[in-house]
Amino acid sequence: MTRTSDTEIRTPTAELRRARLAVSVLFVLAGAVMGGWAGRIPSVRDQLGVSNGEWGLIVLAAPIGVLASLLVLSRVIDRTGARTPSVAGAVGMLVLVPIAALATEPWLLIVCLLVLGLAQGLLFGPMNALAVEVERGYSRSIISSFHFWYSGGQFLGGLLGVAAGMLQFSAALQLAASGLLLAALFLVTLRFLPDTHRTGPDAAVLPDAPEAAPARSGVRSWTPQLLLLAAIALLTSVNEGGAVQWSALYSVELGGGVAVGSLTLVCYSLAIAAARLVGDRVVEAIGRRRFLQLSAAISVLGLGIGLLTGTVAGALIGFACLGVGSGCIVPTAMTLAGNQPGVPSATAVALISIGQWPAFLLGPPIIGGLAELFGLRAALAVVVLSAAAIIALASFVRERTVALAG
């Protein structure tokens, strides 16, 4: 995709600005729901009376539900558009998370998490497709800003969980109350939510969006570029999962204490948010291929040197660099996928989500297994190697795609 010069950037219309607001609300909603749930996991686990090992098996239901949803979406989203599944997914998540928090039996929580995973799949891929659609109308990179709002929502959800825990509110009450607030915000902006192009008639889409490409089904939609972008998203998600699951523990193992362990994760999370806040401007300045390589290089150098030092300070700085380097790679891959010629944008984004999915299931356990054999410090080299692989893969990314300006 060639960069757009300042003279080609059009002033966004009021309709386009409202569409951007509505899609941003979807990202806030998704982040806040997941952040709120994550913050109350200890309460729900204690409520069930299960061990860590049993909990690990129970929560596998969610990624299984996500995969089932994505497999169906990849075949039908070019006909339904992205708006309908994203609305269904948002409603499903708002309703299901408080119900899951009420579960008193493992089997009941498994069912809830399976359906919650289905709702996640309906929301996460399509909302990225809608973000690509709005970005195309702006004729410049704005997709990282949407992911910034997801990070903000996640932080807000976690903060509400902390406050509710201190006030001794039940997880279900907290999640239901925050869900009502999010639902109100969602309903206010729902009428502004755009749609992607469909293969059928009567699609509600943004003005100036390009005509949909003829739909192609199944494996034929997996172009070489989409496979490449899916691999980049997969490797980035392995790194993100590794950071979330193991960064705090690594600092503790180095002698930093529990508080410093939490601080390591905070440094990583804040670095991701900061990267997403400014990432679009950097993309516009240097182009997407170079941006992918630069981002991955920051991860390689920052975390690599941090691991070599074997110190708490190295861990804090290293995972902060990983956050800066990882924060905007998946959004950039989504934009490139959504503007591939010959594949409808919503279908392309759904395919990238499918390619990304195994990381959430396999990434943290792989690092954990290697840590058992070689120690956590050596196992985290997987993250550095994954980032190095992104640098190599990004050199094959083509930027000549459907023009953002339509």
Protein backbone atom coordinates (compact mmCIF):
# COMPACT_ATOMS: atom_id res chain seq x y z
CA MET A 1 0.00 0.00 0.00
CA THR A 2 1.51 3.29 -1.04
CA ARG A 3 1.42 6.07 1.50
CA THR A 4 -0.98 8.91 0.96
CA SER A 5 0.45 12.41 0.67
CA ASP A 6 -0.89 15.27 2.76
CA THR A 7 -2.58 16.80 -0.25
CA GLU A 8 -4.52 13.60 -0.92
CA ILE A 9 -5.89 13.28 2.62
CA ARG A 10 -9.48 14.44 2.67
CA THR A 11 -11.26 16.06 5.56
CA PRO A 12 -13.47 13.35 7.09
CA THR A 13 -17.19 13.93 6.82
CA ALA A 14 -19.44 14.06 9.87
CA GLU A 15 -20.80 10.65 8.88
CA LEU A 16 -17.31 9.21 8.76
CA ARG A 17 -16.39 10.69 12.15
CA ARG A 18 -19.54 9.18 13.67
CA ALA A 19 -18.66 5.81 12.14
CA ARG A 20 -15.19 6.04 13.68
CA LEU A 21 -16.73 6.81 17.08
CA ALA A 22 -19.11 3.84 16.83
CA VAL A 23 -16.34 1.41 15.91
CA SER A 24 -14.14 2.82 18.70
CA VAL A 25 -16.95 2.06 21.16
CA LEU A 26 -16.90 -1.56 19.97
CA PHE A 27 -13.19 -1.77 20.78
CA VAL A 28 -13.72 -0.15 24.21
CA LEU A 29 -16.55 -2.59 24.91
CA ALA A 30 -14.49 -5.63 23.92
CA GLY A 31 -11.51 -4.53 26.00
CA ALA A 32 -13.55 -3.57 29.06
CA VAL A 33 -15.51 -6.83 29.10
CA MET A 34 -12.39 -8.97 28.78
CA GLY A 35 -10.42 -6.83 31.24
CA GLY A 36 -13.23 -6.98 33.78
CA TRP A 37 -13.50 -10.77 33.43
CA ALA A 38 -9.74 -11.28 33.71
CA GLY A 39 -9.62 -9.21 36.88
CA ARG A 40 -12.22 -11.44 38.58
CA ILE A 41 -10.85 -14.82 37.48
CA PRO A 42 -9.45 -15.57 40.99
CA SER A 43 -12.91 -14.99 42.50
CA VAL A 44 -14.64 -17.25 39.99
CA ARG A 45 -11.99 -19.96 40.38
CA ASP A 46 -12.34 -19.91 44.17
CA GLN A 47 -16.11 -20.01 43.79
CA LEU A 48 -15.79 -23.26 41.84
CA GLY A 49 -13.16 -24.69 44.18
CA VAL A 50 -10.91 -25.98 41.39
CA SER A 51 -7.13 -26.21 41.18
CA ASN A 52 -4.95 -24.23 38.79
CA GLY A 53 -4.60 -27.28 36.58
CA GLU A 54 -8.35 -27.86 36.46
CA TRP A 55 -8.91 -24.16 35.74
CA GLY A 56 -6.49 -24.36 32.83
CA LEU A 57 -8.58 -27.14 31.29
CA ILE A 58 -11.88 -25.33 31.92
CA VAL A 59 -10.82 -22.13 30.15
CA LEU A 60 -9.87 -24.06 26.99
CA ALA A 61 -13.58 -23.88 26.16
CA ALA A 62 -13.30 -20.20 25.19
CA PRO A 63 -10.67 -20.53 22.41
CA ILE A 64 -12.54 -23.56 21.05
CA GLY A 65 -15.66 -21.41 20.77
CA VAL A 66 -13.65 -18.64 19.11
CA LEU A 67 -12.30 -21.05 16.50
CA ALA A 68 -15.75 -22.44 15.69
CA SER A 69 -17.07 -18.91 15.25
CA LEU A 70 -14.17 -17.83 13.03
CA LEU A 71 -14.46 -20.87 10.77
CA VAL A 72 -18.12 -20.08 10.10
CA LEU A 73 -17.51 -16.34 9.71
CA SER A 74 -14.76 -16.80 7.13
CA ARG A 75 -17.31 -18.43 4.82
CA VAL A 76 -20.33 -16.16 5.34
CA ILE A 77 -19.07 -12.70 6.34
CA ASP A 78 -18.78 -11.50 2.74
CA ARG A 79 -22.56 -12.06 2.49
CA THR A 80 -23.63 -10.88 5.96
CA GLY A 81 -21.23 -7.95 6.22
CA ALA A 82 -19.27 -7.28 9.41
CA ARG A 83 -21.89 -5.15 11.16
CA THR A 84 -24.38 -7.93 11.94
CA PRO A 85 -21.94 -10.39 13.56
CA SER A 86 -20.16 -7.62 15.47
CA VAL A 87 -23.46 -6.45 17.00
CA ALA A 88 -24.40 -10.03 17.89
CA GLY A 89 -20.97 -10.62 19.40
CA ALA A 90 -21.07 -7.43 21.48
CA VAL A 91 -24.51 -8.27 22.88
CA GLY A 92 -23.44 -11.85 23.55
CA MET A 93 -20.34 -10.79 25.49
CA LEU A 94 -22.24 -8.27 27.60
CA VAL A 95 -24.84 -10.89 28.54
CA LEU A 96 -22.63 -13.95 28.95
CA VAL A 97 -19.80 -12.63 31.14
CA PRO A 98 -22.01 -11.90 34.20
CA ILE A 99 -23.72 -15.28 33.73
CA ALA A 100 -20.36 -17.03 33.59
CA ALA A 101 -19.40 -15.31 36.85
CA LEU A 102 -22.43 -16.93 38.53
CA ALA A 103 -21.32 -20.48 37.66
CA THR A 104 -21.04 -22.80 40.66
CA GLU A 105 -20.26 -25.98 38.72
CA PRO A 106 -17.34 -26.54 36.32
CA TRP A 107 -19.56 -27.94 33.55
CA LEU A 108 -21.75 -24.84 33.68
CA LEU A 109 -18.76 -22.53 33.33
CA ILE A 110 -17.43 -24.64 30.44
CA VAL A 111 -20.73 -24.13 28.59
CA CYS A 112 -20.70 -20.40 29.34
CA LEU A 113 -17.11 -20.00 28.18
CA LEU A 114 -17.77 -21.98 25.01
CA VAL A 115 -20.65 -19.66 24.08
CA LEU A 116 -18.62 -16.65 25.20
CA GLY A 117 -15.88 -17.76 22.82
CA LEU A 118 -18.43 -17.87 20.02
CA ALA A 119 -19.42 -14.29 20.87
CA GLN A 120 -15.77 -13.21 20.97
CA GLY A 121 -15.21 -14.61 17.51
CA LEU A 122 -18.28 -12.81 16.22
CA LEU A 123 -17.01 -9.50 17.58
CA PHE A 124 -13.22 -9.42 17.35
CA GLY A 125 -12.69 -10.23 13.67
CA PRO A 126 -15.65 -8.19 12.34
CA MET A 127 -14.83 -5.11 14.44
CA ASN A 128 -11.35 -5.13 12.89
CA ALA A 129 -12.97 -5.36 9.46
CA LEU A 130 -15.12 -2.33 10.33
CA ALA A 131 -12.00 -0.50 11.50
CA VAL A 132 -10.38 -1.18 8.11
CA GLU A 133 -13.53 0.11 6.39
CA VAL A 134 -13.46 3.37 8.36
CA GLU A 135 -9.72 3.73 7.81
CA ARG A 136 -10.25 3.43 4.07
CA GLY A 137 -12.64 6.37 4.23
CA TYR A 138 -10.02 8.46 6.04
CA SER A 139 -7.43 7.60 3.35
CA ARG A 140 -4.71 7.40 6.03
CA SER A 141 -3.66 5.02 8.77
CA ILE A 142 -5.89 5.16 11.85
CA ILE A 143 -6.29 1.49 12.79
CA SER A 144 -3.80 1.56 15.67
CA SER A 145 -5.99 4.15 17.37
CA PHE A 146 -8.85 1.63 17.50
CA HIS A 147 -6.57 -0.86 19.22
CA PHE A 148 -5.53 1.88 21.64
CA TRP A 149 -9.18 2.12 22.67
CA TYR A 150 -9.22 -1.65 23.20
CA SER A 151 -6.23 -1.29 25.53
CA GLY A 152 -7.95 1.57 27.31
CA GLY A 153 -11.10 -0.49 27.76
CA GLN A 154 -9.07 -3.42 29.05
CA PHE A 155 -7.36 -1.17 31.59
CA LEU A 156 -10.71 0.30 32.65
CA GLY A 157 -12.25 -3.16 33.06
CA GLY A 158 -9.35 -4.34 35.18
CA LEU A 159 -9.48 -1.18 37.30
CA LEU A 160 -13.20 -1.69 37.95
CA GLY A 161 -12.40 -5.25 38.99
CA VAL A 162 -9.86 -3.99 41.52
CA ALA A 163 -12.34 -1.47 42.93
CA ALA A 164 -15.13 -4.05 43.11
CA GLY A 165 -12.84 -6.51 44.86
CA MET A 166 -11.86 -3.90 47.47
CA LEU A 167 -15.54 -3.12 48.05
CA GLN A 168 -16.29 -6.85 48.24
CA PHE A 169 -18.78 -6.78 45.39
CA SER A 170 -19.41 -10.13 43.78
CA ALA A 171 -17.91 -10.74 40.35
CA ALA A 172 -21.36 -11.17 38.80
CA LEU A 173 -22.62 -7.88 40.26
CA GLN A 174 -19.56 -5.96 39.10
CA LEU A 175 -19.66 -7.41 35.57
CA ALA A 176 -23.41 -6.85 35.26
CA ALA A 177 -23.13 -3.22 36.40
CA SER A 178 -20.24 -2.42 34.08
CA GLY A 179 -22.07 -4.30 31.30
CA LEU A 180 -25.09 -2.03 31.67
CA LEU A 181 -22.92 1.07 31.34
CA LEU A 182 -21.20 -0.36 28.27
CA ALA A 183 -24.55 -1.39 26.79
CA ALA A 184 -25.86 2.17 27.16
CA LEU A 185 -22.79 3.55 25.38
CA PHE A 186 -23.14 0.91 22.69
CA LEU A 187 -26.82 1.67 22.07
CA VAL A 188 -26.16 5.42 21.76
CA THR A 189 -23.64 4.87 18.96
CA LEU A 190 -25.18 1.78 17.32
CA ARG A 191 -26.99 3.72 14.59
CA PHE A 192 -23.65 5.13 13.40
CA LEU A 193 -22.00 1.72 13.05
CA PRO A 194 -20.98 1.17 9.40
CA ASP A 195 -20.82 -2.08 7.45
CA THR A 196 -18.47 -3.77 5.06
CA HIS A 197 -19.43 -4.61 1.50
CA ARG A 198 -21.60 -7.66 0.98
CA THR A 199 -22.06 -9.86 -2.06
CA GLY A 200 -25.84 -9.45 -1.70
CA PRO A 201 -27.98 -6.32 -2.16
CA ASP A 202 -28.93 -3.64 0.38
CA ALA A 203 -25.59 -3.44 2.16
CA ALA A 204 -25.12 -0.47 4.46
CA VAL A 205 -21.58 0.74 3.78
CA LEU A 206 -19.47 3.83 4.03
CA PRO A 207 -19.45 6.17 1.05
CA ASP A 208 -16.42 6.01 -1.23
CA ALA A 209 -15.57 2.42 -0.24
CA PRO A 210 -14.44 0.27 -3.18
CA GLU A 211 -16.72 -2.29 -4.73
CA ALA A 212 -16.48 -5.72 -3.18
CA ALA A 213 -14.34 -8.23 -4.99
CA PRO A 214 -16.02 -11.39 -6.19
CA ALA A 215 -16.34 -13.75 -3.25
CA ARG A 216 -14.09 -16.75 -3.17
CA SER A 217 -14.61 -19.57 -0.75
CA GLY A 218 -12.51 -21.92 1.26
CA VAL A 219 -8.83 -22.39 0.76
CA ARG A 220 -8.83 -20.37 -2.49
CA SER A 221 -9.14 -17.18 -0.43
CA TRP A 222 -5.79 -17.91 1.20
CA THR A 223 -3.55 -15.89 -1.07
CA PRO A 224 0.22 -15.95 -0.42
CA GLN A 225 0.06 -12.46 1.06
CA LEU A 226 -2.74 -13.43 3.45
CA LEU A 227 -0.77 -16.48 4.57
CA LEU A 228 2.22 -14.23 5.17
CA LEU A 229 0.19 -11.71 7.16
CA ALA A 230 -1.47 -14.48 9.17
CA ALA A 231 1.97 -15.84 10.09
CA ILE A 232 3.06 -12.38 11.25
CA ALA A 233 -0.11 -12.02 13.36
CA LEU A 234 0.41 -15.52 14.78
CA LEU A 235 4.00 -14.81 15.84
CA THR A 236 3.03 -11.48 17.37
CA SER A 237 0.23 -13.11 19.35
CA VAL A 238 2.65 -15.76 20.62
CA ASN A 239 4.80 -12.90 21.93
CA GLU A 240 1.84 -11.07 23.47
CA GLY A 241 0.60 -14.23 25.18
CA GLY A 242 4.08 -14.99 26.44
CA ALA A 243 4.39 -11.50 27.94
CA VAL A 244 0.99 -11.61 29.65
CA GLN A 245 1.50 -15.08 31.09
CA TRP A 246 5.19 -15.06 32.00
CA SER A 247 6.57 -11.51 32.39
CA ALA A 248 5.54 -11.10 36.03
CA LEU A 249 6.73 -14.58 36.95
CA TYR A 250 10.09 -13.96 35.27
CA SER A 251 10.73 -10.83 37.35
CA VAL A 252 9.76 -12.70 40.51
CA GLU A 253 12.18 -15.48 39.65
CA LEU A 254 14.91 -12.86 39.33
CA GLY A 255 14.21 -11.82 42.92
CA GLY A 256 12.04 -8.79 42.24
CA GLY A 257 9.13 -9.76 44.47
CA VAL A 258 5.42 -9.91 43.67
CA ALA A 259 4.98 -6.13 43.39
CA VAL A 260 7.84 -5.83 40.90
CA GLY A 261 6.39 -8.77 38.98
CA SER A 262 3.10 -6.90 38.61
CA LEU A 263 5.03 -3.78 37.63
CA THR A 264 6.67 -5.69 34.78
CA LEU A 265 3.27 -6.52 33.32
CA VAL A 266 2.12 -2.93 33.84
CA CYS A 267 5.19 -1.64 31.97
CA TYR A 268 4.40 -3.98 29.09
CA SER A 269 0.71 -2.99 28.99
CA LEU A 270 1.38 0.76 29.15
CA ALA A 271 4.02 0.44 26.42
CA ILE A 272 1.48 -1.27 24.13
CA ALA A 273 -1.03 1.53 24.74
CA ALA A 274 1.58 4.20 24.07
CA ALA A 275 2.67 2.49 20.84
CA ARG A 276 -0.92 2.33 19.63
CA LEU A 277 -1.42 6.00 20.43
CA VAL A 278 1.35 7.11 18.06
CA GLY A 279 1.65 4.13 15.74
CA ASP A 280 -0.51 5.52 12.95
CA ARG A 281 1.71 8.58 12.56
CA VAL A 282 4.83 6.44 12.32
CA VAL A 283 3.17 4.20 9.71
CA GLU A 284 2.33 7.25 7.61
CA ALA A 285 5.92 8.43 7.83
CA ILE A 286 7.79 5.22 6.94
CA GLY A 287 5.26 2.83 5.34
CA ARG A 288 3.83 -0.44 6.60
CA ARG A 289 6.59 -2.85 5.57
CA ARG A 290 9.31 -0.84 7.27
CA PHE A 291 7.05 -0.24 10.25
CA LEU A 292 6.59 -3.99 10.75
CA GLN A 293 10.34 -4.53 10.57
CA LEU A 294 11.13 -1.62 12.89
CA SER A 295 8.56 -2.77 15.45
CA ALA A 296 9.87 -6.32 15.50
CA ALA A 297 13.46 -5.06 15.72
CA ILE A 298 12.60 -3.07 18.85
CA SER A 299 11.26 -6.28 20.40
CA VAL A 300 14.34 -8.29 19.42
CA LEU A 301 16.86 -5.77 20.71
CA GLY A 302 14.94 -4.67 23.81
CA LEU A 303 13.87 -8.04 25.17
CA GLY A 304 16.98 -9.81 23.86
CA ILE A 305 19.33 -7.49 25.74
CA GLY A 306 17.02 -7.60 28.76
CA LEU A 307 17.20 -11.39 28.89
CA LEU A 308 20.97 -11.38 28.43
CA THR A 309 21.42 -9.11 31.45
CA GLY A 310 19.37 -11.42 33.66
CA THR A 311 18.38 -8.54 35.96
CA VAL A 312 15.09 -7.13 37.19
CA ALA A 313 15.84 -3.80 35.49
CA GLY A 314 16.54 -5.68 32.27
CA ALA A 315 13.20 -7.45 32.57
CA LEU A 316 11.29 -4.19 33.11
CA ILE A 317 12.95 -2.47 30.16
CA GLY A 318 12.86 -5.58 27.98
CA PHE A 319 9.14 -6.19 28.34
CA ALA A 320 8.43 -2.48 27.88
CA CYS A 321 10.34 -2.69 24.57
CA LEU A 322 8.34 -5.78 23.67
CA GLY A 323 5.15 -3.79 24.28
CA VAL A 324 6.34 -0.96 22.05
CA GLY A 325 7.37 -3.42 19.36
CA SER A 326 4.28 -5.62 19.48
CA GLY A 327 1.54 -3.05 19.99
CA CYS A 328 0.84 -2.13 16.37
CA ILE A 329 1.91 -5.21 14.39
CA VAL A 330 -1.45 -6.99 14.39
CA PRO A 331 -3.42 -3.79 13.55
CA THR A 332 -1.03 -3.15 10.65
CA ALA A 333 -1.42 -6.74 9.42
CA MET A 334 -5.21 -6.32 9.61
CA THR A 335 -5.08 -3.19 7.45
CA LEU A 336 -2.88 -4.88 4.86
CA ALA A 337 -5.17 -7.92 4.82
CA GLY A 338 -8.35 -5.87 4.57
CA ASN A 339 -7.03 -4.05 1.49
CA GLN A 340 -5.83 -7.07 -0.48
CA PRO A 341 -7.07 -7.03 -4.07
CA GLY A 342 -9.37 -9.88 -5.03
CA VAL A 343 -10.54 -10.80 -1.51
CA PRO A 344 -13.43 -9.05 0.31
CA SER A 345 -12.01 -7.10 3.25
CA ALA A 346 -14.19 -8.76 5.90
CA THR A 347 -13.28 -12.22 4.63
CA ALA A 348 -9.58 -11.37 4.60
CA VAL A 349 -9.65 -10.08 8.18
CA ALA A 350 -11.56 -13.20 9.30
CA LEU A 351 -8.88 -15.38 7.70
CA ILE A 352 -6.13 -13.48 9.51
CA SER A 353 -8.00 -14.05 12.77
CA ILE A 354 -8.10 -17.79 12.06
CA GLY A 355 -4.37 -17.82 11.39
CA GLN A 356 -3.76 -15.89 14.59
CA TRP A 357 -5.92 -18.15 16.75
CA PRO A 358 -3.46 -21.01 17.54
CA ALA A 359 -1.20 -18.57 19.38
CA PHE A 360 -3.75 -18.08 22.16
CA LEU A 361 -4.02 -21.83 22.69
CA LEU A 362 -0.42 -22.94 22.18
CA GLY A 363 1.87 -19.97 22.85
CA PRO A 364 1.96 -19.83 26.67
CA PRO A 365 2.06 -23.65 27.10
CA ILE A 366 5.04 -23.91 24.70
CA ILE A 367 6.98 -21.37 26.73
CA GLY A 368 5.93 -23.15 29.92
CA GLY A 369 7.14 -26.51 28.61
CA LEU A 370 10.48 -25.09 27.57
CA ALA A 371 10.78 -23.40 30.95
CA GLU A 372 10.44 -26.79 32.63
CA LEU A 373 13.36 -28.10 30.56
CA PHE A 374 15.70 -25.13 30.31
CA GLY A 375 14.44 -22.48 32.73
CA LEU A 376 12.15 -19.52 32.09
CA ARG A 377 14.91 -17.16 31.02
CA ALA A 378 15.96 -19.48 28.20
CA ALA A 379 12.34 -20.27 27.29
CA LEU A 380 11.56 -16.58 26.77
CA ALA A 381 14.07 -16.64 23.92
CA VAL A 382 11.11 -18.00 21.92
CA VAL A 383 9.66 -14.49 22.03
CA VAL A 384 12.89 -12.98 20.70
CA LEU A 385 13.10 -15.58 17.92
CA SER A 386 9.46 -14.97 16.97
CA ALA A 387 10.12 -11.25 16.65
CA ALA A 388 13.22 -11.95 14.55
CA ALA A 389 11.11 -14.14 12.26
CA ILE A 390 8.67 -11.23 11.82
CA ILE A 391 11.53 -9.04 10.57
CA ALA A 392 12.34 -11.64 7.93
CA LEU A 393 8.71 -12.26 6.91
CA ALA A 394 7.89 -8.56 6.70
CA SER A 395 10.45 -8.13 3.93
CA PHE A 396 8.04 -10.04 1.66
CA VAL A 397 5.01 -7.88 2.49
CA ARG A 398 3.61 -6.04 -0.52
CA GLU A 399 2.19 -2.60 0.07
CA ARG A 400 0.53 -2.26 -3.31
CA THR A 401 -3.05 -3.13 -2.38
CA VAL A 402 -6.45 -1.53 -2.76
CA ALA A 403 -5.96 2.20 -2.19
CA LEU A 404 -7.24 3.40 1.15
CA ALA A 405 -8.96 6.31 -0.47
CA GLY A 406 -11.12 3.95 -2.53
